[in-house]
Structure formats: structure tokens, C-alpha cells
Amino acid sequence: MSNADKDLEHSALVMKIVGWGLFLFLPGVFVYSAGIVWGSLPPGFPIFCGAHPPSPYAGLHPYLLMIVGIYVSYSILLIRGAKDPKANAALFDFGILANLVHAGIMLPQALIYPGEIAHLWTDVPVLLMVSLVLWIFYPGRVAPEYRSVS
């Protein structure tokens, strides 16, 4: 097996890990939805900012279903696409760009809106880390001889 084939296997593994991670983690968001967790901190937890504003919808923020739906759909495509990473490199493109845009939107919101600063040490770093991992294991980067010639 050539180094390029091994590197593509690593790309496929990253696709599976990110895909299954999203697929298994995101349904838990509904069990401990953002609106419920954000407003409550364990006793003795250091308070770096105010509590997240409560949702007018009994703990379930209106955008939560949209975000979870998008990421669950993406996770399914990653899992399926892991069978042939070089043919599904666009999933890496989408993941990198979507996560960078998502973090780029959340970053100023965390600094501007009271109660949103917790995103600076939760969502934003995770989004940037996933973008970095996808960039590192991008099929065209790890196996350049497999790049499409279109």
C-alpha cells in the first residue's frame, strides 16, 4: 500500500470520526438543550459572564433545530463519503468553510451580546479545531497525486 493510499485512509478515518461524532453528540443537545444548560451553572462554577438569556420557548431556542439538522445531515454525508474521500473532497470544503463562517459569526456575537461570551471557550474553539483537522486531512493535501484534473 502506497503512502498516498495510507493518507487517504487517514482522511476516511477523519471523515468517519467527525461524522459519527456529530451524529452521536448532536441528539444529546436536545436532552440538555442550550436554553436549559446556558441558564444554569453548577455550584462553585466560576462565573466569567452573565447567564445566557432564557429562551422564550421553554429552553428550546428557535435556531437549535436548524443547526442540529444541518450538522446531522453533514454527519451522514461524511460517514457515507468516507468510502471514497478523494471523490468526496467537497465535504471537506464544506466542513472547513461552514465551520469557519459559523465561528466567525459567533466570535463577535460572543463579544458584543451579554451572556454569549461562553461561546468563546465552547463552540468557537471546537468549530476552529474541526476546521483545522479537516484542512490537515484534506484528501488533495495528503494524496496530491489523487487530485482531480477538472
C-alpha atoms as a PDB file:
ATOM      1  CA  MET A   1       0.000   0.000   0.000  1.00  0.00           C
ATOM      2  CA  SER A   2       1.425   3.365  -1.020  1.00  0.00           C
ATOM      3  CA  ASN A   3       1.791   6.354   1.287  1.00  0.00           C
ATOM      4  CA  ALA A   4      -0.947   8.133  -0.664  1.00  0.00           C
ATOM      5  CA  ASP A   5      -3.333   5.233  -0.048  1.00  0.00           C
ATOM      6  CA  LYS A   6      -2.487   5.275   3.672  1.00  0.00           C
ATOM      7  CA  ASP A   7      -3.037   9.020   3.780  1.00  0.00           C
ATOM      8  CA  LEU A   8      -6.409   8.624   2.080  1.00  0.00           C
ATOM      9  CA  GLU A   9      -7.294   6.015   4.689  1.00  0.00           C
ATOM     10  CA  HIS A  10      -6.489   8.633   7.331  1.00  0.00           C
ATOM     11  CA  SER A  11      -8.769  11.089   5.520  1.00  0.00           C
ATOM     12  CA  ALA A  12     -11.520   8.451   5.502  1.00  0.00           C
ATOM     13  CA  LEU A  13     -10.987   7.823   9.214  1.00  0.00           C
ATOM     14  CA  VAL A  14     -11.264  11.546   9.970  1.00  0.00           C
ATOM     15  CA  MET A  15     -14.498  11.671   7.952  1.00  0.00           C
ATOM     16  CA  LYS A  16     -15.899   8.778   9.997  1.00  0.00           C
ATOM     17  CA  ILE A  17     -14.796  10.221  13.344  1.00  0.00           C
ATOM     18  CA  VAL A  18     -16.191  13.691  12.631  1.00  0.00           C
ATOM     19  CA  GLY A  19     -19.347  12.231  11.068  1.00  0.00           C
ATOM     20  CA  TRP A  20     -20.116   9.785  13.876  1.00  0.00           C
ATOM     21  CA  GLY A  21     -19.091  12.346  16.492  1.00  0.00           C
ATOM     22  CA  LEU A  22     -21.619  14.823  15.159  1.00  0.00           C
ATOM     23  CA  PHE A  23     -24.283  12.163  14.660  1.00  0.00           C
ATOM     24  CA  LEU A  24     -23.963  10.767  18.192  1.00  0.00           C
ATOM     25  CA  PHE A  25     -23.343  14.070  20.008  1.00  0.00           C
ATOM     26  CA  LEU A  26     -26.000  16.309  18.480  1.00  0.00           C
ATOM     27  CA  PRO A  27     -29.106  14.401  19.604  1.00  0.00           C
ATOM     28  CA  GLY A  28     -27.823  14.960  23.155  1.00  0.00           C
ATOM     29  CA  VAL A  29     -28.256  18.675  22.536  1.00  0.00           C
ATOM     30  CA  PHE A  30     -31.993  18.051  22.786  1.00  0.00           C
ATOM     31  CA  VAL A  31     -31.669  16.240  26.109  1.00  0.00           C
ATOM     32  CA  TYR A  32     -29.674  19.153  27.573  1.00  0.00           C
ATOM     33  CA  SER A  33     -30.752  21.853  25.207  1.00  0.00           C
ATOM     34  CA  ALA A  34     -28.776  25.061  25.023  1.00  0.00           C
ATOM     35  CA  GLY A  35     -31.530  27.062  26.678  1.00  0.00           C
ATOM     36  CA  ILE A  36     -31.566  24.792  29.714  1.00  0.00           C
ATOM     37  CA  VAL A  37     -27.794  24.476  30.196  1.00  0.00           C
ATOM     38  CA  TRP A  38     -26.854  28.074  29.449  1.00  0.00           C
ATOM     39  CA  GLY A  39     -29.022  29.431  32.222  1.00  0.00           C
ATOM     40  CA  SER A  40     -27.713  27.101  34.916  1.00  0.00           C
ATOM     41  CA  LEU A  41     -24.218  26.565  36.243  1.00  0.00           C
ATOM     42  CA  PRO A  42     -23.096  24.065  38.867  1.00  0.00           C
ATOM     43  CA  PRO A  43     -22.462  25.427  42.371  1.00  0.00           C
ATOM     44  CA  GLY A  44     -18.955  26.870  42.704  1.00  0.00           C
ATOM     45  CA  PHE A  45     -18.514  27.162  38.935  1.00  0.00           C
ATOM     46  CA  PRO A  46     -16.514  30.317  38.169  1.00  0.00           C
ATOM     47  CA  ILE A  47     -18.747  32.908  36.550  1.00  0.00           C
ATOM     48  CA  PHE A  48     -16.908  34.638  33.710  1.00  0.00           C
ATOM     49  CA  CYS A  49     -20.015  36.233  32.258  1.00  0.00           C
ATOM     50  CA  GLY A  50     -23.694  36.631  32.862  1.00  0.00           C
ATOM     51  CA  ALA A  51     -26.091  33.787  32.343  1.00  0.00           C
ATOM     52  CA  HIS A  52     -27.310  33.161  28.835  1.00  0.00           C
ATOM     53  CA  PRO A  53     -30.641  34.905  28.292  1.00  0.00           C
ATOM     54  CA  PRO A  54     -33.513  32.488  28.809  1.00  0.00           C
ATOM     55  CA  SER A  55     -35.382  31.322  25.750  1.00  0.00           C
ATOM     56  CA  PRO A  56     -38.959  32.475  25.326  1.00  0.00           C
ATOM     57  CA  TYR A  57     -39.662  28.908  24.134  1.00  0.00           C
ATOM     58  CA  ALA A  58     -39.179  26.932  27.370  1.00  0.00           C
ATOM     59  CA  GLY A  59     -35.500  26.238  26.875  1.00  0.00           C
ATOM     60  CA  LEU A  60     -35.534  25.334  23.191  1.00  0.00           C
ATOM     61  CA  HIS A  61     -34.089  28.149  21.120  1.00  0.00           C
ATOM     62  CA  PRO A  62     -35.690  28.599  17.693  1.00  0.00           C
ATOM     63  CA  TYR A  63     -32.438  28.119  15.780  1.00  0.00           C
ATOM     64  CA  LEU A  64     -31.426  24.920  17.581  1.00  0.00           C
ATOM     65  CA  LEU A  65     -33.350  22.554  15.300  1.00  0.00           C
ATOM     66  CA  MET A  66     -31.920  24.259  12.220  1.00  0.00           C
ATOM     67  CA  ILE A  67     -28.307  23.967  13.401  1.00  0.00           C
ATOM     68  CA  VAL A  68     -28.737  20.362  14.545  1.00  0.00           C
ATOM     69  CA  GLY A  69     -30.477  19.455  11.268  1.00  0.00           C
ATOM     70  CA  ILE A  70     -27.650  20.892   9.193  1.00  0.00           C
ATOM     71  CA  TYR A  71     -24.910  19.172  11.206  1.00  0.00           C
ATOM     72  CA  VAL A  72     -26.738  15.803  11.347  1.00  0.00           C
ATOM     73  CA  SER A  73     -27.160  15.954   7.561  1.00  0.00           C
ATOM     74  CA  TYR A  74     -23.468  16.776   7.221  1.00  0.00           C
ATOM     75  CA  SER A  75     -22.535  13.895   9.527  1.00  0.00           C
ATOM     76  CA  ILE A  76     -24.475  11.413   7.390  1.00  0.00           C
ATOM     77  CA  LEU A  77     -22.738  12.664   4.249  1.00  0.00           C
ATOM     78  CA  LEU A  78     -19.321  12.405   5.936  1.00  0.00           C
ATOM     79  CA  ILE A  79     -19.964   8.825   7.011  1.00  0.00           C
ATOM     80  CA  ARG A  80     -21.115   7.864   3.506  1.00  0.00           C
ATOM     81  CA  GLY A  81     -18.335   9.868   1.853  1.00  0.00           C
ATOM     82  CA  ALA A  82     -15.624   8.109   3.869  1.00  0.00           C
ATOM     83  CA  LYS A  83     -15.843   5.210   1.415  1.00  0.00           C
ATOM     84  CA  ASP A  84     -14.067   7.373  -1.158  1.00  0.00           C
ATOM     85  CA  PRO A  85     -12.549  10.539   0.340  1.00  0.00           C
ATOM     86  CA  LYS A  86     -10.946  11.731  -2.883  1.00  0.00           C
ATOM     87  CA  ALA A  87     -14.321  11.704  -4.670  1.00  0.00           C
ATOM     88  CA  ASN A  88     -15.953  13.467  -1.723  1.00  0.00           C
ATOM     89  CA  ALA A  89     -13.386  16.192  -1.071  1.00  0.00           C
ATOM     90  CA  ALA A  90     -16.169  18.772  -1.355  1.00  0.00           C
ATOM     91  CA  LEU A  91     -17.383  17.553   2.042  1.00  0.00           C
ATOM     92  CA  PHE A  92     -14.057  18.697   3.463  1.00  0.00           C
ATOM     93  CA  ASP A  93     -14.500  22.035   1.669  1.00  0.00           C
ATOM     94  CA  PHE A  94     -17.971  22.455   3.129  1.00  0.00           C
ATOM     95  CA  GLY A  95     -16.856  21.468   6.632  1.00  0.00           C
ATOM     96  CA  ILE A  96     -13.907  23.837   6.634  1.00  0.00           C
ATOM     97  CA  LEU A  97     -15.829  26.780   5.227  1.00  0.00           C
ATOM     98  CA  ALA A  98     -19.063  26.253   7.185  1.00  0.00           C
ATOM     99  CA  ASN A  99     -17.237  25.866  10.493  1.00  0.00           C
ATOM    100  CA  LEU A 100     -15.050  28.924   9.868  1.00  0.00           C
ATOM    101  CA  VAL A 101     -18.097  31.011   8.927  1.00  0.00           C
ATOM    102  CA  HIS A 102     -20.033  29.698  11.931  1.00  0.00           C
ATOM    103  CA  ALA A 103     -17.124  30.555  14.271  1.00  0.00           C
ATOM    104  CA  GLY A 104     -16.668  33.919  12.525  1.00  0.00           C
ATOM    105  CA  ILE A 105     -20.284  34.810  13.231  1.00  0.00           C
ATOM    106  CA  MET A 106     -20.265  33.550  16.823  1.00  0.00           C
ATOM    107  CA  LEU A 107     -16.996  35.263  17.776  1.00  0.00           C
ATOM    108  CA  PRO A 108     -18.208  38.886  17.525  1.00  0.00           C
ATOM    109  CA  GLN A 109     -21.605  37.909  18.920  1.00  0.00           C
ATOM    110  CA  ALA A 110     -19.873  36.439  21.980  1.00  0.00           C
ATOM    111  CA  LEU A 111     -18.016  39.705  22.485  1.00  0.00           C
ATOM    112  CA  ILE A 112     -20.966  42.011  21.833  1.00  0.00           C
ATOM    113  CA  TYR A 113     -24.022  40.364  23.401  1.00  0.00           C
ATOM    114  CA  PRO A 114     -24.243  39.938  27.179  1.00  0.00           C
ATOM    115  CA  GLY A 115     -24.445  36.312  28.208  1.00  0.00           C
ATOM    116  CA  GLU A 116     -22.955  34.978  24.953  1.00  0.00           C
ATOM    117  CA  ILE A 117     -19.272  35.063  25.942  1.00  0.00           C
ATOM    118  CA  ALA A 118     -19.330  31.367  26.911  1.00  0.00           C
ATOM    119  CA  HIS A 119     -19.191  30.616  23.180  1.00  0.00           C
ATOM    120  CA  LEU A 120     -15.559  31.797  23.256  1.00  0.00           C
ATOM    121  CA  TRP A 121     -14.482  28.697  25.187  1.00  0.00           C
ATOM    122  CA  THR A 122     -17.063  26.239  23.877  1.00  0.00           C
ATOM    123  CA  ASP A 123     -18.427  26.447  20.333  1.00  0.00           C
ATOM    124  CA  VAL A 124     -15.849  28.734  18.714  1.00  0.00           C
ATOM    125  CA  PRO A 125     -12.741  26.671  19.631  1.00  0.00           C
ATOM    126  CA  VAL A 126     -14.472  23.410  18.630  1.00  0.00           C
ATOM    127  CA  LEU A 127     -15.518  24.846  15.260  1.00  0.00           C
ATOM    128  CA  LEU A 128     -11.988  26.102  14.607  1.00  0.00           C
ATOM    129  CA  MET A 129     -10.484  22.770  15.692  1.00  0.00           C
ATOM    130  CA  VAL A 130     -12.754  20.766  13.377  1.00  0.00           C
ATOM    131  CA  SER A 131     -11.871  23.115  10.500  1.00  0.00           C
ATOM    132  CA  LEU A 132      -8.175  22.602  11.213  1.00  0.00           C
ATOM    133  CA  VAL A 133      -8.488  18.800  11.367  1.00  0.00           C
ATOM    134  CA  LEU A 134     -10.416  18.729   8.084  1.00  0.00           C
ATOM    135  CA  TRP A 135      -7.817  21.009   6.498  1.00  0.00           C
ATOM    136  CA  ILE A 136      -4.919  18.838   7.683  1.00  0.00           C
ATOM    137  CA  PHE A 137      -6.502  15.620   6.383  1.00  0.00           C
ATOM    138  CA  TYR A 138      -7.885  17.110   3.157  1.00  0.00           C
ATOM    139  CA  PRO A 139      -7.602  14.342   0.500  1.00  0.00           C
ATOM    140  CA  GLY A 140      -5.886  16.591  -2.074  1.00  0.00           C
ATOM    141  CA  ARG A 141      -3.321  17.668   0.518  1.00  0.00           C
ATOM    142  CA  VAL A 142      -2.466  14.217   1.872  1.00  0.00           C
ATOM    143  CA  ALA A 143      -2.540  12.493  -1.521  1.00  0.00           C
ATOM    144  CA  PRO A 144      -1.823  15.131  -4.173  1.00  0.00           C
ATOM    145  CA  GLU A 145      -1.450  12.566  -6.938  1.00  0.00           C
ATOM    146  CA  TYR A 146      -5.160  11.836  -6.500  1.00  0.00           C
ATOM    147  CA  ARG A 147      -6.301  15.409  -7.164  1.00  0.00           C
ATOM    148  CA  SER A 148      -8.875  15.646  -9.881  1.00  0.00           C
ATOM    149  CA  VAL A 149      -7.762  17.287 -13.119  1.00  0.00           C
ATOM    150  CA  SER A 150     -11.005  19.117 -13.873  1.00  0.00           C
END
